[in-house]
Structures are given as structure tokens and as C-alpha cells.
Amino acid sequence: SILASDYANLQTELERISTADLIHVDVMDGHFVPNISIGAPV
């Protein structure tokens, strides 16, 4: 889950997990859950 990654260096972080089977992307809206994360542009 990239929620635990360094968002300032996402490309580098993704390279560190290139052997993963999937990349889990958590999208939060601040309504269904209290926090807000990222949207489609990211």
C-alpha cells in the first residue's frame, strides 16, 4: 500500500516495490472515512 510510502518520492518508492504482484492505492474522500488521500490525477 503506497499509503505507507514517502509521497514526496513516489516514483522511487514504486521502484523499491517492483517485485510486488499489485500496487495497492488507497483513495479516501474525507467522508466515507475521516481522512483524505489521493485522487485520479495522482
PDB file of all heavy atoms in Angstrom:
ATOM      1  N   SER A   1       0.828  -1.201   0.000  1.00  0.00           N
ATOM      2  CA  SER A   1       0.000   0.000   0.000  1.00  0.00           C
ATOM      3  C   SER A   1       0.860   1.248   0.000  1.00  0.00           C
ATOM      4  O   SER A   1       1.645   1.471   0.927  1.00  0.00           O
ATOM      5  CB  SER A   1      -0.911   0.019   1.228  1.00  0.00           C
ATOM      6  OG  SER A   1      -1.558   1.270   1.344  1.00  0.00           O
ATOM      7  N   ILE A   2       0.705   2.072  -1.029  1.00  0.00           N
ATOM      8  CA  ILE A   2       1.516   3.285  -1.098  1.00  0.00           C
ATOM      9  C   ILE A   2       1.106   4.318  -0.055  1.00  0.00           C
ATOM     10  O   ILE A   2       1.771   5.333   0.102  1.00  0.00           O
ATOM     11  CB  ILE A   2       1.510   3.914  -2.504  1.00  0.00           C
ATOM     12  CG1 ILE A   2       0.099   4.352  -2.925  1.00  0.00           C
ATOM     13  CG2 ILE A   2       2.122   2.959  -3.524  1.00  0.00           C
ATOM     14  CD1 ILE A   2       0.085   5.212  -4.187  1.00  0.00           C
ATOM     15  N   LEU A   3       0.043   4.028   0.699  1.00  0.00           N
ATOM     16  CA  LEU A   3      -0.332   4.922   1.795  1.00  0.00           C
ATOM     17  C   LEU A   3       0.809   5.041   2.802  1.00  0.00           C
ATOM     18  O   LEU A   3       0.952   6.062   3.471  1.00  0.00           O
ATOM     19  CB  LEU A   3      -1.597   4.391   2.497  1.00  0.00           C
ATOM     20  CG  LEU A   3      -2.232   5.288   3.560  1.00  0.00           C
ATOM     21  CD1 LEU A   3      -2.754   6.579   2.945  1.00  0.00           C
ATOM     22  CD2 LEU A   3      -3.374   4.559   4.274  1.00  0.00           C
ATOM     23  N   ALA A   4       1.625   3.998   2.886  1.00  0.00           N
ATOM     24  CA  ALA A   4       2.735   3.981   3.839  1.00  0.00           C
ATOM     25  C   ALA A   4       4.044   4.442   3.215  1.00  0.00           C
ATOM     26  O   ALA A   4       5.085   4.425   3.870  1.00  0.00           O
ATOM     27  CB  ALA A   4       2.912   2.570   4.399  1.00  0.00           C
ATOM     28  N   SER A   5       3.992   4.864   1.960  1.00  0.00           N
ATOM     29  CA  SER A   5       5.217   5.269   1.262  1.00  0.00           C
ATOM     30  C   SER A   5       5.540   6.739   1.503  1.00  0.00           C
ATOM     31  O   SER A   5       4.776   7.477   2.131  1.00  0.00           O
ATOM     32  CB  SER A   5       5.063   5.011  -0.239  1.00  0.00           C
ATOM     33  OG  SER A   5       4.137   5.926  -0.819  1.00  0.00           O
ATOM     34  N   ASP A   6       6.675   7.162   0.962  1.00  0.00           N
ATOM     35  CA  ASP A   6       7.084   8.564   1.012  1.00  0.00           C
ATOM     36  C   ASP A   6       6.476   9.266  -0.197  1.00  0.00           C
ATOM     37  O   ASP A   6       6.961   9.127  -1.328  1.00  0.00           O
ATOM     38  CB  ASP A   6       8.610   8.647   0.981  1.00  0.00           C
ATOM     39  CG  ASP A   6       9.121  10.085   0.957  1.00  0.00           C
ATOM     40  OD1 ASP A   6       8.294  11.020   0.996  1.00  0.00           O
ATOM     41  OD2 ASP A   6      10.348  10.261   0.876  1.00  0.00           O
ATOM     42  N   TYR A   7       5.418  10.018   0.025  1.00  0.00           N
ATOM     43  CA  TYR A   7       4.701  10.647  -1.083  1.00  0.00           C
ATOM     44  C   TYR A   7       5.537  11.694  -1.822  1.00  0.00           C
ATOM     45  O   TYR A   7       5.218  12.050  -2.952  1.00  0.00           O
ATOM     46  CB  TYR A   7       3.399  11.288  -0.572  1.00  0.00           C
ATOM     47  CG  TYR A   7       2.213  10.354  -0.566  1.00  0.00           C
ATOM     48  CD1 TYR A   7       2.351   9.023  -0.177  1.00  0.00           C
ATOM     49  CD2 TYR A   7       0.947  10.778  -0.951  1.00  0.00           C
ATOM     50  CE1 TYR A   7       1.269   8.159  -0.172  1.00  0.00           C
ATOM     51  CE2 TYR A   7      -0.147   9.920  -0.946  1.00  0.00           C
ATOM     52  CZ  TYR A   7       0.025   8.616  -0.556  1.00  0.00           C
ATOM     53  OH  TYR A   7      -1.048   7.755  -0.557  1.00  0.00           O
ATOM     54  N   ALA A   8       6.598  12.162  -1.199  1.00  0.00           N
ATOM     55  CA  ALA A   8       7.456  13.141  -1.857  1.00  0.00           C
ATOM     56  C   ALA A   8       8.354  12.482  -2.903  1.00  0.00           C
ATOM     57  O   ALA A   8       8.940  13.166  -3.746  1.00  0.00           O
ATOM     58  CB  ALA A   8       8.318  13.878  -0.834  1.00  0.00           C
ATOM     59  N   ASN A   9       8.437  11.138  -2.843  1.00  0.00           N
ATOM     60  CA  ASN A   9       9.307  10.401  -3.753  1.00  0.00           C
ATOM     61  C   ASN A   9       8.596   9.157  -4.280  1.00  0.00           C
ATOM     62  O   ASN A   9       9.136   8.050  -4.231  1.00  0.00           O
ATOM     63  CB  ASN A   9      10.600   9.996  -3.037  1.00  0.00           C
ATOM     64  CG  ASN A   9      11.410  11.191  -2.580  1.00  0.00           C
ATOM     65  OD1 ASN A   9      12.051  11.856  -3.375  1.00  0.00           O
ATOM     66  ND2 ASN A   9      11.366  11.477  -1.289  1.00  0.00           N
ATOM     67  N   LEU A  10       7.400   9.332  -4.798  1.00  0.00           N
ATOM     68  CA  LEU A  10       6.580   8.177  -5.179  1.00  0.00           C
ATOM     69  C   LEU A  10       7.206   7.323  -6.272  1.00  0.00           C
ATOM     70  O   LEU A  10       7.124   6.095  -6.221  1.00  0.00           O
ATOM     71  CB  LEU A  10       5.182   8.646  -5.615  1.00  0.00           C
ATOM     72  CG  LEU A  10       4.142   8.759  -4.504  1.00  0.00           C
ATOM     73  CD1 LEU A  10       2.825   9.297  -5.057  1.00  0.00           C
ATOM     74  CD2 LEU A  10       3.908   7.417  -3.825  1.00  0.00           C
ATOM     75  N   GLN A  11       7.840   7.935  -7.254  1.00  0.00           N
ATOM     76  CA  GLN A  11       8.443   7.125  -8.306  1.00  0.00           C
ATOM     77  C   GLN A  11       9.544   6.232  -7.734  1.00  0.00           C
ATOM     78  O   GLN A  11       9.615   5.039  -8.048  1.00  0.00           O
ATOM     79  CB  GLN A  11       9.015   8.008  -9.412  1.00  0.00           C
ATOM     80  CG  GLN A  11       9.626   7.188 -10.558  1.00  0.00           C
ATOM     81  CD  GLN A  11      10.031   8.042 -11.747  1.00  0.00           C
ATOM     82  OE1 GLN A  11       9.761   9.236 -11.790  1.00  0.00           O
ATOM     83  NE2 GLN A  11      10.679   7.422 -12.722  1.00  0.00           N
ATOM     84  N   THR A  12      10.370   6.781  -6.881  1.00  0.00           N
ATOM     85  CA  THR A  12      11.430   5.993  -6.243  1.00  0.00           C
ATOM     86  C   THR A  12      10.834   4.898  -5.377  1.00  0.00           C
ATOM     87  O   THR A  12      11.327   3.751  -5.373  1.00  0.00           O
ATOM     88  CB  THR A  12      12.338   6.903  -5.394  1.00  0.00           C
ATOM     89  OG1 THR A  12      12.908   7.905  -6.230  1.00  0.00           O
ATOM     90  CG2 THR A  12      13.455   6.111  -4.732  1.00  0.00           C
ATOM     91  N   GLU A  13       9.793   5.216  -4.658  1.00  0.00           N
ATOM     92  CA  GLU A  13       9.147   4.230  -3.789  1.00  0.00           C
ATOM     93  C   GLU A  13       8.559   3.085  -4.609  1.00  0.00           C
ATOM     94  O   GLU A  13       8.640   1.914  -4.219  1.00  0.00           O
ATOM     95  CB  GLU A  13       8.045   4.900  -2.956  1.00  0.00           C
ATOM     96  CG  GLU A  13       8.552   5.874  -1.921  1.00  0.00           C
ATOM     97  CD  GLU A  13       9.130   5.179  -0.702  1.00  0.00           C
ATOM     98  OE1 GLU A  13      10.239   4.607  -0.820  1.00  0.00           O
ATOM     99  OE2 GLU A  13       8.497   5.195   0.363  1.00  0.00           O
ATOM    100  N   LEU A  14       7.977   3.405  -5.755  1.00  0.00           N
ATOM    101  CA  LEU A  14       7.417   2.364  -6.613  1.00  0.00           C
ATOM    102  C   LEU A  14       8.516   1.461  -7.165  1.00  0.00           C
ATOM    103  O   LEU A  14       8.321   0.252  -7.316  1.00  0.00           O
ATOM    104  CB  LEU A  14       6.619   3.001  -7.756  1.00  0.00           C
ATOM    105  CG  LEU A  14       5.287   3.632  -7.355  1.00  0.00           C
ATOM    106  CD1 LEU A  14       4.735   4.486  -8.478  1.00  0.00           C
ATOM    107  CD2 LEU A  14       4.267   2.566  -6.955  1.00  0.00           C
ATOM    108  N   GLU A  15       9.668   2.033  -7.445  1.00  0.00           N
ATOM    109  CA  GLU A  15      10.798   1.227  -7.928  1.00  0.00           C
ATOM    110  C   GLU A  15      11.267   0.249  -6.855  1.00  0.00           C
ATOM    111  O   GLU A  15      11.717  -0.857  -7.166  1.00  0.00           O
ATOM    112  CB  GLU A  15      11.941   2.149  -8.347  1.00  0.00           C
ATOM    113  CG  GLU A  15      11.633   2.952  -9.610  1.00  0.00           C
ATOM    114  CD  GLU A  15      12.632   4.065  -9.875  1.00  0.00           C
ATOM    115  OE1 GLU A  15      13.538   4.267  -9.028  1.00  0.00           O
ATOM    116  OE2 GLU A  15      12.503   4.739 -10.916  1.00  0.00           O
ATOM    117  N   ARG A  16      11.138   0.638  -5.595  1.00  0.00           N
ATOM    118  CA  ARG A  16      11.562  -0.227  -4.482  1.00  0.00           C
ATOM    119  C   ARG A  16      10.657  -1.450  -4.326  1.00  0.00           C
ATOM    120  O   ARG A  16      11.043  -2.437  -3.705  1.00  0.00           O
ATOM    121  CB  ARG A  16      11.559   0.566  -3.166  1.00  0.00           C
ATOM    122  CG  ARG A  16      12.575   1.687  -3.088  1.00  0.00           C
ATOM    123  CD  ARG A  16      12.360   2.504  -1.841  1.00  0.00           C
ATOM    124  NE  ARG A  16      12.767   1.787  -0.643  1.00  0.00           N
ATOM    125  CZ  ARG A  16      12.166   1.894   0.554  1.00  0.00           C
ATOM    126  NH1 ARG A  16      11.107   2.668   0.693  1.00  0.00           N
ATOM    127  NH2 ARG A  16      12.607   1.221   1.587  1.00  0.00           N
ATOM    128  N   ILE A  17       9.435  -1.383  -4.876  1.00  0.00           N
ATOM    129  CA  ILE A  17       8.490  -2.499  -4.728  1.00  0.00           C
ATOM    130  C   ILE A  17       8.138  -3.105  -6.089  1.00  0.00           C
ATOM    131  O   ILE A  17       7.042  -3.628  -6.279  1.00  0.00           O
ATOM    132  CB  ILE A  17       7.222  -2.062  -3.973  1.00  0.00           C
ATOM    133  CG1 ILE A  17       6.518  -0.891  -4.692  1.00  0.00           C
ATOM    134  CG2 ILE A  17       7.555  -1.671  -2.528  1.00  0.00           C
ATOM    135  CD1 ILE A  17       5.130  -0.593  -4.162  1.00  0.00           C
ATOM    136  N   SER A  18       9.080  -3.038  -7.016  1.00  0.00           N
ATOM    137  CA  SER A  18       8.813  -3.513  -8.378  1.00  0.00           C
ATOM    138  C   SER A  18       8.569  -5.017  -8.458  1.00  0.00           C
ATOM    139  O   SER A  18       8.056  -5.511  -9.464  1.00  0.00           O
ATOM    140  CB  SER A  18       9.980  -3.132  -9.298  1.00  0.00           C
ATOM    141  OG  SER A  18      11.192  -3.741  -8.854  1.00  0.00           O
ATOM    142  N   THR A  19       8.923  -5.756  -7.409  1.00  0.00           N
ATOM    143  CA  THR A  19       8.689  -7.211  -7.407  1.00  0.00           C
ATOM    144  C   THR A  19       7.314  -7.579  -6.849  1.00  0.00           C
ATOM    145  O   THR A  19       6.984  -8.763  -6.769  1.00  0.00           O
ATOM    146  CB  THR A  19       9.767  -7.931  -6.575  1.00  0.00           C
ATOM    147  OG1 THR A  19       9.765  -7.411  -5.241  1.00  0.00           O
ATOM    148  CG2 THR A  19      11.148  -7.733  -7.190  1.00  0.00           C
ATOM    149  N   ALA A  20       6.533  -6.581  -6.483  1.00  0.00           N
ATOM    150  CA  ALA A  20       5.186  -6.843  -5.962  1.00  0.00           C
ATOM    151  C   ALA A  20       4.274  -7.358  -7.075  1.00  0.00           C
ATOM    152  O   ALA A  20       4.540  -7.150  -8.263  1.00  0.00           O
ATOM    153  CB  ALA A  20       4.602  -5.578  -5.349  1.00  0.00           C
ATOM    154  N   ASP A  21       3.206  -8.013  -6.675  1.00  0.00           N
ATOM    155  CA  ASP A  21       2.235  -8.523  -7.643  1.00  0.00           C
ATOM    156  C   ASP A  21       1.236  -7.444  -8.044  1.00  0.00           C
ATOM    157  O   ASP A  21       0.737  -7.426  -9.174  1.00  0.00           O
ATOM    158  CB  ASP A  21       1.484  -9.711  -7.038  1.00  0.00           C
ATOM    159  CG  ASP A  21       2.435 -10.817  -6.621  1.00  0.00           C
ATOM    160  OD1 ASP A  21       2.906 -11.544  -7.502  1.00  0.00           O
ATOM    161  OD2 ASP A  21       2.727 -10.925  -5.418  1.00  0.00           O
ATOM    162  N   LEU A  22       0.927  -6.568  -7.103  1.00  0.00           N
ATOM    163  CA  LEU A  22      -0.011  -5.474  -7.302  1.00  0.00           C
ATOM    164  C   LEU A  22       0.488  -4.263  -6.534  1.00  0.00           C
ATOM    165  O   LEU A  22       1.309  -4.389  -5.618  1.00  0.00           O
ATOM    166  CB  LEU A  22      -1.414  -5.838  -6.791  1.00  0.00           C
ATOM    167  CG  LEU A  22      -2.121  -7.054  -7.403  1.00  0.00           C
ATOM    168  CD1 LEU A  22      -3.310  -7.457  -6.540  1.00  0.00           C
ATOM    169  CD2 LEU A  22      -2.588  -6.736  -8.823  1.00  0.00           C
ATOM    170  N   ILE A  23      -0.012  -3.083  -6.893  1.00  0.00           N
ATOM    171  CA  ILE A  23       0.218  -1.865  -6.118  1.00  0.00           C
ATOM    172  C   ILE A  23      -1.125  -1.442  -5.542  1.00  0.00           C
ATOM    173  O   ILE A  23      -2.078  -1.209  -6.295  1.00  0.00           O
ATOM    174  CB  ILE A  23       0.781  -0.721  -6.984  1.00  0.00           C
ATOM    175  CG1 ILE A  23       2.064  -1.141  -7.697  1.00  0.00           C
ATOM    176  CG2 ILE A  23       0.989   0.530  -6.137  1.00  0.00           C
ATOM    177  CD1 ILE A  23       3.228  -1.443  -6.797  1.00  0.00           C
ATOM    178  N   HIS A  24      -1.221  -1.376  -4.215  1.00  0.00           N
ATOM    179  CA  HIS A  24      -2.480  -1.004  -3.570  1.00  0.00           C
ATOM    180  C   HIS A  24      -2.535   0.510  -3.404  1.00  0.00           C
ATOM    181  O   HIS A  24      -1.657   1.117  -2.788  1.00  0.00           O
ATOM    182  CB  HIS A  24      -2.592  -1.682  -2.203  1.00  0.00           C
ATOM    183  CG  HIS A  24      -3.964  -1.615  -1.617  1.00  0.00           C
ATOM    184  ND1 HIS A  24      -4.984  -2.462  -1.997  1.00  0.00           N
ATOM    185  CD2 HIS A  24      -4.507  -0.795  -0.674  1.00  0.00           C
ATOM    186  CE1 HIS A  24      -6.077  -2.182  -1.312  1.00  0.00           C
ATOM    187  NE2 HIS A  24      -5.812  -1.153  -0.516  1.00  0.00           N
ATOM    188  N   VAL A  25      -3.578   1.107  -3.979  1.00  0.00           N
ATOM    189  CA  VAL A  25      -3.736   2.561  -3.945  1.00  0.00           C
ATOM    190  C   VAL A  25      -4.995   2.900  -3.152  1.00  0.00           C
ATOM    191  O   VAL A  25      -6.116   2.616  -3.587  1.00  0.00           O
ATOM    192  CB  VAL A  25      -3.843   3.141  -5.376  1.00  0.00           C
ATOM    193  CG1 VAL A  25      -3.949   4.663  -5.318  1.00  0.00           C
ATOM    194  CG2 VAL A  25      -2.645   2.714  -6.221  1.00  0.00           C
ATOM    195  N   ASP A  26      -4.805   3.495  -1.984  1.00  0.00           N
ATOM    196  CA  ASP A  26      -5.926   3.860  -1.116  1.00  0.00           C
ATOM    197  C   ASP A  26      -6.446   5.244  -1.476  1.00  0.00           C
ATOM    198  O   ASP A  26      -5.703   6.225  -1.429  1.00  0.00           O
ATOM    199  CB  ASP A  26      -5.485   3.855   0.357  1.00  0.00           C
ATOM    200  CG  ASP A  26      -5.289   2.449   0.891  1.00  0.00           C
ATOM    201  OD1 ASP A  26      -6.228   1.654   0.778  1.00  0.00           O
ATOM    202  OD2 ASP A  26      -4.201   2.160   1.415  1.00  0.00           O
ATOM    203  N   VAL A  27      -7.722   5.300  -1.820  1.00  0.00           N
ATOM    204  CA  VAL A  27      -8.365   6.567  -2.173  1.00  0.00           C
ATOM    205  C   VAL A  27      -9.409   6.873  -1.106  1.00  0.00           C
ATOM    206  O   VAL A  27     -10.348   6.102  -0.902  1.00  0.00           O
ATOM    207  CB  VAL A  27      -9.029   6.477  -3.562  1.00  0.00           C
ATOM    208  CG1 VAL A  27      -9.768   7.778  -3.882  1.00  0.00           C
ATOM    209  CG2 VAL A  27      -7.995   6.170  -4.633  1.00  0.00           C
ATOM    210  N   MET A  28      -9.232   7.992  -0.403  1.00  0.00           N
ATOM    211  CA  MET A  28     -10.138   8.377   0.684  1.00  0.00           C
ATOM    212  C   MET A  28     -10.718   9.763   0.419  1.00  0.00           C
ATOM    213  O   MET A  28     -10.016  10.654  -0.062  1.00  0.00           O
ATOM    214  CB  MET A  28      -9.390   8.391   2.017  1.00  0.00           C
ATOM    215  CG  MET A  28      -8.585   7.144   2.311  1.00  0.00           C
ATOM    216  SD  MET A  28      -7.772   7.280   3.920  1.00  0.00           S
ATOM    217  CE  MET A  28      -6.456   6.085   3.727  1.00  0.00           C
ATOM    218  N   ASP A  29     -11.996   9.910   0.755  1.00  0.00           N
ATOM    219  CA  ASP A  29     -12.682  11.158   0.395  1.00  0.00           C
ATOM    220  C   ASP A  29     -12.967  12.094   1.566  1.00  0.00           C
ATOM    221  O   ASP A  29     -13.558  13.158   1.394  1.00  0.00           O
ATOM    222  CB  ASP A  29     -13.999  10.843  -0.328  1.00  0.00           C
ATOM    223  CG  ASP A  29     -15.001  10.097   0.558  1.00  0.00           C
ATOM    224  OD1 ASP A  29     -14.678   9.761   1.719  1.00  0.00           O
ATOM    225  OD2 ASP A  29     -16.123   9.836   0.069  1.00  0.00           O
ATOM    226  N   GLY A  30     -12.565  11.703   2.775  1.00  0.00           N
ATOM    227  CA  GLY A  30     -12.848  12.551   3.932  1.00  0.00           C
ATOM    228  C   GLY A  30     -14.288  12.505   4.377  1.00  0.00           C
ATOM    229  O   GLY A  30     -14.695  13.236   5.284  1.00  0.00           O
ATOM    230  N   HIS A  31     -15.081  11.627   3.759  1.00  0.00           N
ATOM    231  CA  HIS A  31     -16.497  11.494   4.099  1.00  0.00           C
ATOM    232  C   HIS A  31     -16.826  10.059   4.474  1.00  0.00           C
ATOM    233  O   HIS A  31     -17.305   9.786   5.578  1.00  0.00           O
ATOM    234  CB  HIS A  31     -17.371  11.946   2.921  1.00  0.00           C
ATOM    235  CG  HIS A  31     -18.832  11.972   3.225  1.00  0.00           C
ATOM    236  ND1 HIS A  31     -19.697  10.957   2.850  1.00  0.00           N
ATOM    237  CD2 HIS A  31     -19.588  12.877   3.880  1.00  0.00           C
ATOM    238  CE1 HIS A  31     -20.918  11.241   3.280  1.00  0.00           C
ATOM    239  NE2 HIS A  31     -20.885  12.403   3.893  1.00  0.00           N
ATOM    240  N   PHE A  32     -16.550   9.120   3.562  1.00  0.00           N
ATOM    241  CA  PHE A  32     -16.754   7.706   3.878  1.00  0.00           C
ATOM    242  C   PHE A  32     -15.809   7.280   4.991  1.00  0.00           C
ATOM    243  O   PHE A  32     -16.150   6.480   5.863  1.00  0.00           O
ATOM    244  CB  PHE A  32     -16.523   6.854   2.624  1.00  0.00           C
ATOM    245  CG  PHE A  32     -16.794   5.387   2.830  1.00  0.00           C
ATOM    246  CD1 PHE A  32     -18.098   4.910   2.887  1.00  0.00           C
ATOM    247  CD2 PHE A  32     -15.755   4.483   2.972  1.00  0.00           C
ATOM    248  CE1 PHE A  32     -18.356   3.558   3.089  1.00  0.00           C
ATOM    249  CE2 PHE A  32     -15.994   3.137   3.164  1.00  0.00           C
ATOM    250  CZ  PHE A  32     -17.303   2.667   3.228  1.00  0.00           C
ATOM    251  N   VAL A  33     -14.599   7.823   4.944  1.00  0.00           N
ATOM    252  CA  VAL A  33     -13.613   7.672   6.019  1.00  0.00           C
ATOM    253  C   VAL A  33     -13.125   9.069   6.384  1.00  0.00           C
ATOM    254  O   VAL A  33     -13.226   9.990   5.579  1.00  0.00           O
ATOM    255  CB  VAL A  33     -12.429   6.776   5.589  1.00  0.00           C
ATOM    256  CG1 VAL A  33     -12.873   5.335   5.399  1.00  0.00           C
ATOM    257  CG2 VAL A  33     -11.775   7.297   4.318  1.00  0.00           C
ATOM    258  N   PRO A  34     -12.577   9.247   7.587  1.00  0.00           N
ATOM    259  CA  PRO A  34     -12.221  10.596   8.037  1.00  0.00           C
ATOM    260  C   PRO A  34     -11.084  11.256   7.255  1.00  0.00           C
ATOM    261  O   PRO A  34     -11.025  12.474   7.163  1.00  0.00           O
ATOM    262  CB  PRO A  34     -11.816  10.387   9.501  1.00  0.00           C
ATOM    263  CG  PRO A  34     -12.432   9.084   9.902  1.00  0.00           C
ATOM    264  CD  PRO A  34     -12.444   8.247   8.664  1.00  0.00           C
ATOM    265  N   ASN A  35     -10.173  10.460   6.721  1.00  0.00           N
ATOM    266  CA  ASN A  35      -9.011  11.037   6.060  1.00  0.00           C
ATOM    267  C   ASN A  35      -9.245  11.289   4.574  1.00  0.00           C
ATOM    268  O   ASN A  35     -10.165  10.739   3.973  1.00  0.00           O
ATOM    269  CB  ASN A  35      -7.797  10.119   6.227  1.00  0.00           C
ATOM    270  CG  ASN A  35      -7.217  10.211   7.622  1.00  0.00           C
ATOM    271  OD1 ASN A  35      -7.369  11.215   8.305  1.00  0.00           O
ATOM    272  ND2 ASN A  35      -6.529   9.167   8.053  1.00  0.00           N
ATOM    273  N   ILE A  36      -8.376  12.109   3.994  1.00  0.00           N
ATOM    274  CA  ILE A  36      -8.351  12.365   2.557  1.00  0.00           C
ATOM    275  C   ILE A  36      -6.969  11.948   2.057  1.00  0.00           C
ATOM    276  O   ILE A  36      -5.954  12.269   2.677  1.00  0.00           O
ATOM    277  CB  ILE A  36      -8.600  13.856   2.248  1.00  0.00           C
ATOM    278  CG1 ILE A  36     -10.012  14.271   2.693  1.00  0.00           C
ATOM    279  CG2 ILE A  36      -8.405  14.143   0.766  1.00  0.00           C
ATOM    280  CD1 ILE A  36     -10.291  15.768   2.564  1.00  0.00           C
ATOM    281  N   SER A  37      -6.933  11.214   0.938  1.00  0.00           N
ATOM    282  CA  SER A  37      -5.623  10.800   0.424  1.00  0.00           C
ATOM    283  C   SER A  37      -5.395  11.372  -0.966  1.00  0.00           C
ATOM    284  O   SER A  37      -5.160  12.568  -1.120  1.00  0.00           O
ATOM    285  CB  SER A  37      -5.490   9.274   0.439  1.00  0.00           C
ATOM    286  OG  SER A  37      -6.515   8.654  -0.330  1.00  0.00           O
ATOM    287  N   ILE A  38      -5.485  10.534  -2.000  1.00  0.00           N
ATOM    288  CA  ILE A  38      -5.176  10.987  -3.358  1.00  0.00           C
ATOM    289  C   ILE A  38      -6.351  10.746  -4.293  1.00  0.00           C
ATOM    290  O   ILE A  38      -7.280   9.999  -3.976  1.00  0.00           O
ATOM    291  CB  ILE A  38      -3.926  10.273  -3.906  1.00  0.00           C
ATOM    292  CG1 ILE A  38      -4.161   8.759  -3.995  1.00  0.00           C
ATOM    293  CG2 ILE A  38      -2.704  10.588  -3.060  1.00  0.00           C
ATOM    294  CD1 ILE A  38      -3.055   7.994  -4.661  1.00  0.00           C
ATOM    295  N   GLY A  39      -6.287  11.372  -5.467  1.00  0.00           N
ATOM    296  CA  GLY A  39      -7.341  11.216  -6.452  1.00  0.00           C
ATOM    297  C   GLY A  39      -6.808  10.679  -7.759  1.00  0.00           C
ATOM    298  O   GLY A  39      -5.642  10.282  -7.877  1.00  0.00           O
ATOM    299  N   ALA A  40      -7.655  10.677  -8.770  1.00  0.00           N
ATOM    300  CA  ALA A  40      -7.317  10.113 -10.075  1.00  0.00           C
ATOM    301  C   ALA A  40      -6.088  10.764 -10.726  1.00  0.00           C
ATOM    302  O   ALA A  40      -5.300  10.057 -11.364  1.00  0.00           O
ATOM    303  CB  ALA A  40      -8.526  10.200 -10.999  1.00  0.00           C
ATOM    304  N   PRO A  41      -5.866  12.079 -10.612  1.00  0.00           N
ATOM    305  CA  PRO A  41      -4.684  12.665 -11.259  1.00  0.00           C
ATOM    306  C   PRO A  41      -3.367  12.070 -10.760  1.00  0.00           C
ATOM    307  O   PRO A  41      -2.429  11.892 -11.547  1.00  0.00           O
ATOM    308  CB  PRO A  41      -4.796  14.154 -10.911  1.00  0.00           C
ATOM    309  CG  PRO A  41      -6.262  14.383 -10.729  1.00  0.00           C
ATOM    310  CD  PRO A  41      -6.755  13.138 -10.060  1.00  0.00           C
ATOM    311  N   VAL A  42      -3.291  11.766  -9.472  1.00  0.00           N
ATOM    312  CA  VAL A  42      -2.068  11.162  -8.937  1.00  0.00           C
ATOM    313  C   VAL A  42      -1.912   9.740  -9.461  1.00  0.00           C
ATOM    314  O   VAL A  42      -0.818   9.310  -9.835  1.00  0.00           O
ATOM    315  CB  VAL A  42      -2.077  11.172  -7.389  1.00  0.00           C
ATOM    316  CG1 VAL A  42      -0.863  10.435  -6.838  1.00  0.00           C
ATOM    317  CG2 VAL A  42      -2.094  12.596  -6.864  1.00  0.00           C
TER     318      VAL A  42
END
